Protein backbone atom coordinates (compact mmCIF):
# COMPACT_ATOMS: atom_id res chain seq x y z
CA UNK A 1 0.00 0.00 0.00
CA UNK A 2 2.87 2.37 0.76
CA UNK A 3 4.22 1.91 -2.76
CA UNK A 4 0.85 2.70 -4.25
CA UNK A 5 0.51 5.80 -2.08
CA UNK A 6 4.03 6.87 -3.04
CA UNK A 7 3.33 6.40 -6.74
CA UNK A 8 0.08 8.33 -6.42
CA UNK A 9 1.94 11.13 -4.62
CA UNK A 10 4.58 11.20 -7.36
CA UNK A 11 1.90 11.34 -10.04
CA UNK A 12 0.07 14.15 -8.26
CA UNK A 13 3.35 16.04 -7.79
CA UNK A 14 4.25 15.61 -11.46
CA UNK A 15 0.81 16.77 -12.54
CA UNK A 16 0.97 19.78 -10.22
CA UNK A 17 4.44 20.69 -11.53
CA UNK A 18 3.22 20.32 -15.11
CA UNK A 19 0.16 22.51 -14.37
CA UNK A 20 2.32 25.20 -12.72
CA UNK A 21 4.81 25.16 -15.60
CA UNK A 22 1.97 25.37 -18.10
CA UNK A 23 0.41 28.27 -16.21
CA UNK A 24 3.73 30.13 -16.12
CA UNK A 25 4.30 29.50 -19.82
CA UNK A 26 0.78 30.71 -20.65
CA UNK A 27 1.34 33.87 -18.61
CA UNK A 28 4.68 34.50 -20.29
CA UNK A 29 3.11 33.95 -23.72
CA UNK A 30 0.33 36.37 -22.86
CA UNK A 31 2.83 39.06 -21.79
CA UNK A 32 4.93 38.48 -24.92
CA UNK A 33 1.85 38.67 -27.12
CA UNK A 34 0.84 41.97 -25.50
CA UNK A 35 4.39 43.31 -26.02
CA UNK A 36 4.34 42.21 -29.63
CA UNK A 37 0.95 43.87 -30.21
CA UNK A 38 2.27 47.09 -28.67
CA UNK A 39 5.31 47.02 -30.95
CA UNK A 40 3.18 46.27 -34.00
CA UNK A 41 0.90 49.19 -33.11
CA UNK A 42 3.92 51.47 -32.66
CA UNK A 43 5.41 50.56 -36.02
CA UNK A 44 2.05 50.86 -37.76
CA UNK A 45 1.72 54.37 -36.35
CA UNK A 46 5.27 55.17 -37.47
CA UNK A 47 4.53 53.88 -40.96
CA UNK A 48 1.38 56.02 -41.15
CA UNK A 49 3.32 59.10 -40.05
CA UNK A 50 6.00 58.35 -42.64
CA UNK A 51 3.38 57.98 -45.38
CA UNK A 52 1.82 61.31 -44.38
CA UNK A 53 5.24 62.97 -44.35
CA UNK A 54 6.07 61.53 -47.77
CA UNK A 55 2.76 62.81 -49.15
CA UNK A 56 3.42 66.30 -47.75
CA UNK A 57 6.94 66.24 -49.16
CA UNK A 58 5.59 65.22 -52.57
CA UNK A 59 3.08 68.06 -52.50
CA UNK A 60 5.78 70.53 -51.49
CA UNK A 61 8.07 69.30 -54.26
CA UNK A 62 5.29 69.68 -56.82
CA UNK A 63 4.53 73.20 -55.57
CA UNK A 64 8.23 74.06 -55.69
CA UNK A 65 8.54 72.75 -59.26
CA UNK A 66 5.45 74.71 -60.33
CA UNK A 67 6.86 77.85 -58.73
CA UNK A 68 10.18 77.35 -60.48
CA UNK A 69 8.43 76.87 -63.81
CA UNK A 70 6.36 80.01 -63.28
CA UNK A 71 9.46 81.98 -62.30
CA UNK A 72 11.30 80.71 -65.37
CA UNK A 73 8.42 81.76 -67.61
CA UNK A 74 8.36 85.23 -66.03
CA UNK A 75 12.10 85.65 -66.51
CA UNK A 76 11.84 84.54 -70.12
CA UNK A 77 9.00 87.00 -70.83
CA UNK A 78 10.99 89.80 -69.21
CA UNK A 79 14.06 88.88 -71.26
CA UNK A 80 11.98 88.97 -74.45
CA UNK A 81 10.54 92.35 -73.45
CA UNK A 82 14.01 93.72 -72.72
CA UNK A 83 15.30 92.41 -76.02
CA UNK A 84 12.67 94.41 -77.87
CA UNK A 85 13.55 97.72 -76.18
CA UNK A 86 15.46 100.18 -78.31
CA UNK A 87 19.20 100.05 -77.58
CA UNK A 88 20.77 103.23 -76.20
CA UNK A 89 18.70 106.41 -76.04
CA UNK A 90 20.06 109.84 -75.10
CA UNK A 91 17.10 110.51 -72.76
CA UNK A 92 18.20 107.81 -70.33
CA UNK A 93 20.21 109.35 -67.46
CA UNK A 94 21.60 105.90 -66.52
CA UNK A 95 23.15 105.52 -70.00
CA UNK A 96 25.67 107.96 -68.92
PDB file of N, CA and C in Angstrom:
ATOM      1  N   UNK A   1       0.809  -1.179   0.000  1.00  0.00           N
ATOM      2  CA  UNK A   1       0.000   0.000   0.000  1.00  0.00           C
ATOM      3  C   UNK A   1       0.864   1.259   0.000  1.00  0.00           C
ATOM      4  N   UNK A   2       1.997   1.197   0.702  1.00  0.00           N
ATOM      5  CA  UNK A   2       2.874   2.366   0.762  1.00  0.00           C
ATOM      6  C   UNK A   2       3.433   2.703  -0.617  1.00  0.00           C
ATOM      7  N   UNK A   3       3.688   1.679  -1.413  1.00  0.00           N
ATOM      8  CA  UNK A   3       4.221   1.907  -2.758  1.00  0.00           C
ATOM      9  C   UNK A   3       3.154   2.580  -3.618  1.00  0.00           C
ATOM     10  N   UNK A   4       1.942   2.118  -3.493  1.00  0.00           N
ATOM     11  CA  UNK A   4       0.845   2.698  -4.254  1.00  0.00           C
ATOM     12  C   UNK A   4       0.599   4.146  -3.845  1.00  0.00           C
ATOM     13  N   UNK A   5       0.674   4.438  -2.564  1.00  0.00           N
ATOM     14  CA  UNK A   5       0.506   5.804  -2.076  1.00  0.00           C
ATOM     15  C   UNK A   5       1.651   6.676  -2.572  1.00  0.00           C
ATOM     16  N   UNK A   6       2.860   6.124  -2.554  1.00  0.00           N
ATOM     17  CA  UNK A   6       4.032   6.867  -3.038  1.00  0.00           C
ATOM     18  C   UNK A   6       3.923   7.181  -4.523  1.00  0.00           C
ATOM     19  N   UNK A   7       3.500   6.181  -5.302  1.00  0.00           N
ATOM     20  CA  UNK A   7       3.329   6.401  -6.742  1.00  0.00           C
ATOM     21  C   UNK A   7       2.225   7.441  -7.016  1.00  0.00           C
ATOM     22  N   UNK A   8       1.158   7.359  -6.255  1.00  0.00           N
ATOM     23  CA  UNK A   8       0.078   8.328  -6.421  1.00  0.00           C
ATOM     24  C   UNK A   8       0.575   9.730  -6.065  1.00  0.00           C
ATOM     25  N   UNK A   9       1.375   9.829  -5.019  1.00  0.00           N
ATOM     26  CA  UNK A   9       1.943  11.131  -4.621  1.00  0.00           C
ATOM     27  C   UNK A   9       2.873  11.670  -5.705  1.00  0.00           C
ATOM     28  N   UNK A  10       3.691  10.791  -6.273  1.00  0.00           N
ATOM     29  CA  UNK A  10       4.583  11.203  -7.365  1.00  0.00           C
ATOM     30  C   UNK A  10       3.781  11.672  -8.576  1.00  0.00           C
ATOM     31  N   UNK A  11       2.733  10.957  -8.901  1.00  0.00           N
ATOM     32  CA  UNK A  11       1.897  11.341 -10.041  1.00  0.00           C
ATOM     33  C   UNK A  11       1.227  12.700  -9.790  1.00  0.00           C
ATOM     34  N   UNK A  12       0.693  12.865  -8.577  1.00  0.00           N
ATOM     35  CA  UNK A  12       0.066  14.148  -8.259  1.00  0.00           C
ATOM     36  C   UNK A  12       1.087  15.276  -8.283  1.00  0.00           C
ATOM     37  N   UNK A  13       2.292  15.028  -7.779  1.00  0.00           N
ATOM     38  CA  UNK A  13       3.348  16.039  -7.792  1.00  0.00           C
ATOM     39  C   UNK A  13       3.753  16.398  -9.220  1.00  0.00           C
ATOM     40  N   UNK A  14       3.878  15.363 -10.061  1.00  0.00           N
ATOM     41  CA  UNK A  14       4.251  15.610 -11.456  1.00  0.00           C
ATOM     42  C   UNK A  14       3.159  16.393 -12.171  1.00  0.00           C
ATOM     43  N   UNK A  15       1.905  16.040 -11.907  1.00  0.00           N
ATOM     44  CA  UNK A  15       0.805  16.767 -12.544  1.00  0.00           C
ATOM     45  C   UNK A  15       0.742  18.210 -12.050  1.00  0.00           C
ATOM     46  N   UNK A  16       0.986  18.413 -10.770  1.00  0.00           N
ATOM     47  CA  UNK A  16       0.968  19.779 -10.220  1.00  0.00           C
ATOM     48  C   UNK A  16       2.120  20.596 -10.820  1.00  0.00           C
ATOM     49  N   UNK A  17       3.303  19.990 -10.934  1.00  0.00           N
ATOM     50  CA  UNK A  17       4.444  20.693 -11.529  1.00  0.00           C
ATOM     51  C   UNK A  17       4.151  21.033 -12.992  1.00  0.00           C
ATOM     52  N   UNK A  18       3.561  20.093 -13.706  1.00  0.00           N
ATOM     53  CA  UNK A  18       3.218  20.323 -15.114  1.00  0.00           C
ATOM     54  C   UNK A  18       2.208  21.467 -15.225  1.00  0.00           C
ATOM     55  N   UNK A  19       1.189  21.465 -14.346  1.00  0.00           N
ATOM     56  CA  UNK A  19       0.162  22.506 -14.371  1.00  0.00           C
ATOM     57  C   UNK A  19       0.778  23.866 -14.040  1.00  0.00           C
ATOM     58  N   UNK A  20       1.670  23.937 -13.062  1.00  0.00           N
ATOM     59  CA  UNK A  20       2.316  25.203 -12.724  1.00  0.00           C
ATOM     60  C   UNK A  20       3.188  25.696 -13.882  1.00  0.00           C
ATOM     61  N   UNK A  21       3.957  24.775 -14.474  1.00  0.00           N
ATOM     62  CA  UNK A  21       4.810  25.157 -15.601  1.00  0.00           C
ATOM     63  C   UNK A  21       3.961  25.638 -16.771  1.00  0.00           C
ATOM     64  N   UNK A  22       2.866  24.972 -17.003  1.00  0.00           N
ATOM     65  CA  UNK A  22       1.971  25.373 -18.098  1.00  0.00           C
ATOM     66  C   UNK A  22       1.367  26.744 -17.819  1.00  0.00           C
ATOM     67  N   UNK A  23       0.971  26.975 -16.590  1.00  0.00           N
ATOM     68  CA  UNK A  23       0.414  28.272 -16.215  1.00  0.00           C
ATOM     69  C   UNK A  23       1.436  29.392 -16.378  1.00  0.00           C
ATOM     70  N   UNK A  24       2.679  29.117 -15.956  1.00  0.00           N
ATOM     71  CA  UNK A  24       3.733  30.128 -16.120  1.00  0.00           C
ATOM     72  C   UNK A  24       4.005  30.399 -17.598  1.00  0.00           C
ATOM     73  N   UNK A  25       4.050  29.332 -18.380  1.00  0.00           N
ATOM     74  CA  UNK A  25       4.296  29.495 -19.818  1.00  0.00           C
ATOM     75  C   UNK A  25       3.155  30.274 -20.476  1.00  0.00           C
ATOM     76  N   UNK A  26       1.927  29.987 -20.080  1.00  0.00           N
ATOM     77  CA  UNK A  26       0.784  30.706 -20.651  1.00  0.00           C
ATOM     78  C   UNK A  26       0.843  32.184 -20.270  1.00  0.00           C
ATOM     79  N   UNK A  27       1.207  32.480 -19.037  1.00  0.00           N
ATOM     80  CA  UNK A  27       1.337  33.871 -18.607  1.00  0.00           C
ATOM     81  C   UNK A  27       2.440  34.594 -19.375  1.00  0.00           C
ATOM     82  N   UNK A  28       3.566  33.913 -19.544  1.00  0.00           N
ATOM     83  CA  UNK A  28       4.683  34.497 -20.294  1.00  0.00           C
ATOM     84  C   UNK A  28       4.273  34.746 -21.747  1.00  0.00           C
ATOM     85  N   UNK A  29       3.580  33.782 -22.345  1.00  0.00           N
ATOM     86  CA  UNK A  29       3.115  33.950 -23.724  1.00  0.00           C
ATOM     87  C   UNK A  29       2.146  35.122 -23.829  1.00  0.00           C
ATOM     88  N   UNK A  30       1.289  35.271 -22.852  1.00  0.00           N
ATOM     89  CA  UNK A  30       0.329  36.368 -22.859  1.00  0.00           C
ATOM     90  C   UNK A  30       1.057  37.711 -22.785  1.00  0.00           C
ATOM     91  N   UNK A  31       2.060  37.813 -21.900  1.00  0.00           N
ATOM     92  CA  UNK A  31       2.834  39.057 -21.794  1.00  0.00           C
ATOM     93  C   UNK A  31       3.598  39.336 -23.082  1.00  0.00           C
ATOM     94  N   UNK A  32       4.197  38.304 -23.669  1.00  0.00           N
ATOM     95  CA  UNK A  32       4.935  38.480 -24.915  1.00  0.00           C
ATOM     96  C   UNK A  32       4.005  38.890 -26.058  1.00  0.00           C
ATOM     97  N   UNK A  33       2.821  38.311 -26.090  1.00  0.00           N
ATOM     98  CA  UNK A  33       1.845  38.665 -27.123  1.00  0.00           C
ATOM     99  C   UNK A  33       1.425  40.133 -26.978  1.00  0.00           C
ATOM    100  N   UNK A  34       1.208  40.574 -25.733  1.00  0.00           N
ATOM    101  CA  UNK A  34       0.838  41.973 -25.500  1.00  0.00           C
ATOM    102  C   UNK A  34       1.979  42.901 -25.914  1.00  0.00           C
ATOM    103  N   UNK A  35       3.225  42.518 -25.603  1.00  0.00           N
ATOM    104  CA  UNK A  35       4.385  43.313 -26.022  1.00  0.00           C
ATOM    105  C   UNK A  35       4.469  43.389 -27.538  1.00  0.00           C
ATOM    106  N   UNK A  36       4.263  42.257 -28.177  1.00  0.00           N
ATOM    107  CA  UNK A  36       4.337  42.210 -29.629  1.00  0.00           C
ATOM    108  C   UNK A  36       3.242  43.088 -30.246  1.00  0.00           C
ATOM    109  N   UNK A  37       2.033  43.034 -29.702  1.00  0.00           N
ATOM    110  CA  UNK A  37       0.946  43.874 -30.209  1.00  0.00           C
ATOM    111  C   UNK A  37       1.279  45.353 -30.033  1.00  0.00           C
ATOM    112  N   UNK A  38       1.891  45.697 -28.901  1.00  0.00           N
ATOM    113  CA  UNK A  38       2.271  47.092 -28.671  1.00  0.00           C
ATOM    114  C   UNK A  38       3.310  47.526 -29.695  1.00  0.00           C
ATOM    115  N   UNK A  39       4.284  46.679 -29.963  1.00  0.00           N
ATOM    116  CA  UNK A  39       5.313  47.016 -30.950  1.00  0.00           C
ATOM    117  C   UNK A  39       4.714  47.134 -32.346  1.00  0.00           C
ATOM    118  N   UNK A  40       3.826  46.223 -32.682  1.00  0.00           N
ATOM    119  CA  UNK A  40       3.180  46.275 -33.998  1.00  0.00           C
ATOM    120  C   UNK A  40       2.390  47.574 -34.126  1.00  0.00           C
ATOM    121  N   UNK A  41       1.655  47.938 -33.085  1.00  0.00           N
ATOM    122  CA  UNK A  41       0.904  49.192 -33.105  1.00  0.00           C
ATOM    123  C   UNK A  41       1.822  50.390 -33.262  1.00  0.00           C
ATOM    124  N   UNK A  42       2.958  50.370 -32.553  1.00  0.00           N
ATOM    125  CA  UNK A  42       3.919  51.470 -32.656  1.00  0.00           C
ATOM    126  C   UNK A  42       4.435  51.606 -34.086  1.00  0.00           C
ATOM    127  N   UNK A  43       4.844  50.490 -34.674  1.00  0.00           N
ATOM    128  CA  UNK A  43       5.415  50.558 -36.023  1.00  0.00           C
ATOM    129  C   UNK A  43       4.355  50.868 -37.076  1.00  0.00           C
ATOM    130  N   UNK A  44       3.117  50.464 -36.847  1.00  0.00           N
ATOM    131  CA  UNK A  44       2.048  50.856 -37.761  1.00  0.00           C
ATOM    132  C   UNK A  44       1.821  52.364 -37.701  1.00  0.00           C
ATOM    133  N   UNK A  45       1.851  52.927 -36.489  1.00  0.00           N
ATOM    134  CA  UNK A  45       1.715  54.373 -36.351  1.00  0.00           C
ATOM    135  C   UNK A  45       2.880  55.100 -37.019  1.00  0.00           C
ATOM    136  N   UNK A  46       4.099  54.571 -36.836  1.00  0.00           N
ATOM    137  CA  UNK A  46       5.269  55.174 -37.473  1.00  0.00           C
ATOM    138  C   UNK A  46       5.154  55.123 -38.994  1.00  0.00           C
ATOM    139  N   UNK A  47       4.683  54.010 -39.516  1.00  0.00           N
ATOM    140  CA  UNK A  47       4.527  53.877 -40.961  1.00  0.00           C
ATOM    141  C   UNK A  47       3.481  54.872 -41.479  1.00  0.00           C
ATOM    142  N   UNK A  48       2.409  55.065 -40.739  1.00  0.00           N
ATOM    143  CA  UNK A  48       1.376  56.020 -41.145  1.00  0.00           C
ATOM    144  C   UNK A  48       1.935  57.446 -41.130  1.00  0.00           C
ATOM    145  N   UNK A  49       2.705  57.772 -40.093  1.00  0.00           N
ATOM    146  CA  UNK A  49       3.319  59.103 -40.045  1.00  0.00           C
ATOM    147  C   UNK A  49       4.293  59.288 -41.201  1.00  0.00           C
ATOM    148  N   UNK A  50       5.048  58.252 -41.535  1.00  0.00           N
ATOM    149  CA  UNK A  50       6.003  58.347 -42.645  1.00  0.00           C
ATOM    150  C   UNK A  50       5.270  58.520 -43.973  1.00  0.00           C
ATOM    151  N   UNK A  51       4.156  57.815 -44.148  1.00  0.00           N
ATOM    152  CA  UNK A  51       3.376  57.983 -45.377  1.00  0.00           C
ATOM    153  C   UNK A  51       2.833  59.408 -45.484  1.00  0.00           C
ATOM    154  N   UNK A  52       2.346  59.948 -44.372  1.00  0.00           N
ATOM    155  CA  UNK A  52       1.817  61.314 -44.384  1.00  0.00           C
ATOM    156  C   UNK A  52       2.938  62.312 -44.686  1.00  0.00           C
ATOM    157  N   UNK A  53       4.102  62.083 -44.095  1.00  0.00           N
ATOM    158  CA  UNK A  53       5.236  62.973 -44.346  1.00  0.00           C
ATOM    159  C   UNK A  53       5.670  62.886 -45.806  1.00  0.00           C
ATOM    160  N   UNK A  54       5.691  61.699 -46.365  1.00  0.00           N
ATOM    161  CA  UNK A  54       6.066  61.528 -47.772  1.00  0.00           C
ATOM    162  C   UNK A  54       5.055  62.226 -48.686  1.00  0.00           C
ATOM    163  N   UNK A  55       3.781  62.140 -48.340  1.00  0.00           N
ATOM    164  CA  UNK A  55       2.758  62.811 -49.150  1.00  0.00           C
ATOM    165  C   UNK A  55       2.934  64.325 -49.095  1.00  0.00           C
ATOM    166  N   UNK A  56       3.183  64.858 -47.876  1.00  0.00           N
ATOM    167  CA  UNK A  56       3.416  66.299 -47.752  1.00  0.00           C
ATOM    168  C   UNK A  56       4.657  66.718 -48.520  1.00  0.00           C
ATOM    169  N   UNK A  57       5.708  65.921 -48.444  1.00  0.00           N
ATOM    170  CA  UNK A  57       6.938  66.239 -49.161  1.00  0.00           C
ATOM    171  C   UNK A  57       6.702  66.220 -50.662  1.00  0.00           C
ATOM    172  N   UNK A  58       5.927  65.266 -51.144  1.00  0.00           N
ATOM    173  CA  UNK A  58       5.590  65.216 -52.566  1.00  0.00           C
ATOM    174  C   UNK A  58       4.812  66.441 -53.009  1.00  0.00           C
ATOM    175  N   UNK A  59       3.860  66.861 -52.181  1.00  0.00           N
ATOM    176  CA  UNK A  59       3.083  68.063 -52.502  1.00  0.00           C
ATOM    177  C   UNK A  59       3.971  69.306 -52.510  1.00  0.00           C
ATOM    178  N   UNK A  60       4.873  69.383 -51.537  1.00  0.00           N
ATOM    179  CA  UNK A  60       5.784  70.525 -51.487  1.00  0.00           C
ATOM    180  C   UNK A  60       6.717  70.535 -52.690  1.00  0.00           C
ATOM    181  N   UNK A  61       7.196  69.377 -53.088  1.00  0.00           N
ATOM    182  CA  UNK A  61       8.073  69.301 -54.261  1.00  0.00           C
ATOM    183  C   UNK A  61       7.326  69.710 -55.524  1.00  0.00           C
ATOM    184  N   UNK A  62       6.085  69.291 -55.649  1.00  0.00           N
ATOM    185  CA  UNK A  62       5.287  69.675 -56.817  1.00  0.00           C
ATOM    186  C   UNK A  62       5.047  71.187 -56.823  1.00  0.00           C
ATOM    187  N   UNK A  63       4.745  71.751 -55.660  1.00  0.00           N
ATOM    188  CA  UNK A  63       4.526  73.198 -55.572  1.00  0.00           C
ATOM    189  C   UNK A  63       5.815  73.951 -55.906  1.00  0.00           C
ATOM    190  N   UNK A  64       6.936  73.448 -55.402  1.00  0.00           N
ATOM    191  CA  UNK A  64       8.228  74.064 -55.690  1.00  0.00           C
ATOM    192  C   UNK A  64       8.514  74.024 -57.195  1.00  0.00           C
ATOM    193  N   UNK A  65       8.288  72.881 -57.816  1.00  0.00           N
ATOM    194  CA  UNK A  65       8.538  72.752 -59.258  1.00  0.00           C
ATOM    195  C   UNK A  65       7.626  73.692 -60.048  1.00  0.00           C
ATOM    196  N   UNK A  66       6.370  73.801 -59.638  1.00  0.00           N
ATOM    197  CA  UNK A  66       5.447  74.714 -60.330  1.00  0.00           C
ATOM    198  C   UNK A  66       5.907  76.154 -60.156  1.00  0.00           C
ATOM    199  N   UNK A  67       6.358  76.504 -58.969  1.00  0.00           N
ATOM    200  CA  UNK A  67       6.857  77.855 -58.733  1.00  0.00           C
ATOM    201  C   UNK A  67       8.102  78.147 -59.554  1.00  0.00           C
ATOM    202  N   UNK A  68       8.983  77.172 -59.652  1.00  0.00           N
ATOM    203  CA  UNK A  68      10.184  77.347 -60.476  1.00  0.00           C
ATOM    204  C   UNK A  68       9.816  77.531 -61.935  1.00  0.00           C
ATOM    205  N   UNK A  69       8.873  76.760 -62.409  1.00  0.00           N
ATOM    206  CA  UNK A  69       8.432  76.874 -63.807  1.00  0.00           C
ATOM    207  C   UNK A  69       7.810  78.240 -64.057  1.00  0.00           C
ATOM    208  N   UNK A  70       6.988  78.688 -63.133  1.00  0.00           N
ATOM    209  CA  UNK A  70       6.355  80.006 -63.276  1.00  0.00           C
ATOM    210  C   UNK A  70       7.416  81.101 -63.261  1.00  0.00           C
ATOM    211  N   UNK A  71       8.381  80.992 -62.355  1.00  0.00           N
ATOM    212  CA  UNK A  71       9.461  81.975 -62.299  1.00  0.00           C
ATOM    213  C   UNK A  71      10.285  81.982 -63.573  1.00  0.00           C
ATOM    214  N   UNK A  72      10.540  80.809 -64.120  1.00  0.00           N
ATOM    215  CA  UNK A  72      11.303  80.708 -65.369  1.00  0.00           C
ATOM    216  C   UNK A  72      10.543  81.386 -66.502  1.00  0.00           C
ATOM    217  N   UNK A  73       9.236  81.142 -66.567  1.00  0.00           N
ATOM    218  CA  UNK A  73       8.421  81.764 -67.612  1.00  0.00           C
ATOM    219  C   UNK A  73       8.408  83.280 -67.472  1.00  0.00           C
ATOM    220  N   UNK A  74       8.347  83.783 -66.244  1.00  0.00           N
ATOM    221  CA  UNK A  74       8.363  85.226 -66.032  1.00  0.00           C
ATOM    222  C   UNK A  74       9.696  85.826 -66.456  1.00  0.00           C
ATOM    223  N   UNK A  75      10.786  85.152 -66.115  1.00  0.00           N
ATOM    224  CA  UNK A  75      12.104  85.645 -66.506  1.00  0.00           C
ATOM    225  C   UNK A  75      12.237  85.643 -68.022  1.00  0.00           C
ATOM    226  N   UNK A  76      11.755  84.603 -68.657  1.00  0.00           N
ATOM    227  CA  UNK A  76      11.841  84.535 -70.120  1.00  0.00           C
ATOM    228  C   UNK A  76      11.016  85.642 -70.769  1.00  0.00           C
ATOM    229  N   UNK A  77       9.824  85.936 -70.246  1.00  0.00           N
ATOM    230  CA  UNK A  77       9.004  86.995 -70.833  1.00  0.00           C
ATOM    231  C   UNK A  77       9.656  88.362 -70.614  1.00  0.00           C
ATOM    232  N   UNK A  78      10.275  88.547 -69.454  1.00  0.00           N
ATOM    233  CA  UNK A  78      10.991  89.800 -69.211  1.00  0.00           C
ATOM    234  C   UNK A  78      12.198  89.928 -70.143  1.00  0.00           C
ATOM    235  N   UNK A  79      12.907  88.845 -70.357  1.00  0.00           N
ATOM    236  CA  UNK A  79      14.058  88.879 -71.259  1.00  0.00           C
ATOM    237  C   UNK A  79      13.616  89.212 -72.675  1.00  0.00           C
ATOM    238  N   UNK A  80      12.496  88.648 -73.112  1.00  0.00           N
ATOM    239  CA  UNK A  80      11.981  88.971 -74.448  1.00  0.00           C
ATOM    240  C   UNK A  80      11.573  90.449 -74.530  1.00  0.00           C
ATOM    241  N   UNK A  81      10.956  90.942 -73.472  1.00  0.00           N
ATOM    242  CA  UNK A  81      10.541  92.349 -73.454  1.00  0.00           C
ATOM    243  C   UNK A  81      11.757  93.264 -73.477  1.00  0.00           C
ATOM    244  N   UNK A  82      12.790  92.910 -72.735  1.00  0.00           N
ATOM    245  CA  UNK A  82      14.012  93.725 -72.724  1.00  0.00           C
ATOM    246  C   UNK A  82      14.734  93.662 -74.061  1.00  0.00           C
ATOM    247  N   UNK A  83      14.643  92.550 -74.724  1.00  0.00           N
ATOM    248  CA  UNK A  83      15.304  92.411 -76.018  1.00  0.00           C
ATOM    249  C   UNK A  83      14.636  93.284 -77.068  1.00  0.00           C
ATOM    250  N   UNK A  84      13.386  93.595 -76.895  1.00  0.00           N
ATOM    251  CA  UNK A  84      12.669  94.412 -77.873  1.00  0.00           C
ATOM    252  C   UNK A  84      12.773  95.908 -77.580  1.00  0.00           C
ATOM    253  N   UNK A  85      13.388  96.297 -76.485  1.00  0.00           N
ATOM    254  CA  UNK A  85      13.554  97.719 -76.180  1.00  0.00           C
ATOM    255  C   UNK A  85      14.602  98.313 -77.114  1.00  0.00           C
ATOM    256  N   UNK A  86      14.440  99.562 -77.464  1.00  0.00           N
ATOM    257  CA  UNK A  86      15.459 100.182 -78.306  1.00  0.00           C
ATOM    258  C   UNK A  86      16.781 100.268 -77.542  1.00  0.00           C
ATOM    259  N   UNK A  87      17.888 100.041 -78.217  1.00  0.00           N
ATOM    260  CA  UNK A  87      19.196 100.045 -77.575  1.00  0.00           C
ATOM    261  C   UNK A  87      19.691 101.461 -77.411  1.00  0.00           C
ATOM    262  N   UNK A  88      20.118 101.958 -76.445  1.00  0.00           N
ATOM    263  CA  UNK A  88      20.771 103.234 -76.200  1.00  0.00           C
ATOM    264  C   UNK A  88      19.999 104.467 -76.644  1.00  0.00           C
ATOM    265  N   UNK A  89      19.380 105.162 -75.752  1.00  0.00           N
ATOM    266  CA  UNK A  89      18.704 106.413 -76.044  1.00  0.00           C
ATOM    267  C   UNK A  89      19.401 107.509 -75.266  1.00  0.00           C
ATOM    268  N   UNK A  90      19.386 108.723 -75.759  1.00  0.00           N
ATOM    269  CA  UNK A  90      20.057 109.843 -75.104  1.00  0.00           C
ATOM    270  C   UNK A  90      19.239 110.378 -73.931  1.00  0.00           C
ATOM    271  N   UNK A  91      17.963 110.024 -73.836  1.00  0.00           N
ATOM    272  CA  UNK A  91      17.103 110.508 -72.761  1.00  0.00           C
ATOM    273  C   UNK A  91      17.336 109.760 -71.456  1.00  0.00           C
ATOM    274  N   UNK A  92      17.997 108.646 -71.513  1.00  0.00           N
ATOM    275  CA  UNK A  92      18.198 107.805 -70.328  1.00  0.00           C
ATOM    276  C   UNK A  92      19.360 108.338 -69.508  1.00  0.00           C
ATOM    277  N   UNK A  93      19.114 108.827 -68.262  1.00  0.00           N
ATOM    278  CA  UNK A  93      20.214 109.349 -67.462  1.00  0.00           C
ATOM    279  C   UNK A  93      21.182 108.247 -67.012  1.00  0.00           C
ATOM    280  N   UNK A  94      20.726 106.995 -66.955  1.00  0.00           N
ATOM    281  CA  UNK A  94      21.596 105.896 -66.523  1.00  0.00           C
ATOM    282  C   UNK A  94      22.546 105.497 -67.635  1.00  0.00           C
ATOM    283  N   UNK A  95      22.304 105.915 -68.873  1.00  0.00           N
ATOM    284  CA  UNK A  95      23.146 105.519 -69.999  1.00  0.00           C
ATOM    285  C   UNK A  95      24.483 106.226 -69.930  1.00  0.00           C
ATOM    286  N   UNK A  96      24.582 107.239 -69.211  1.00  0.00           N
ATOM    287  CA  UNK A  96      25.668 107.962 -68.915  1.00  0.00           C
ATOM    288  C   UNK A  96      26.770 108.516 -69.404  1.00  0.00           C
TER     289      UNK A  96
END
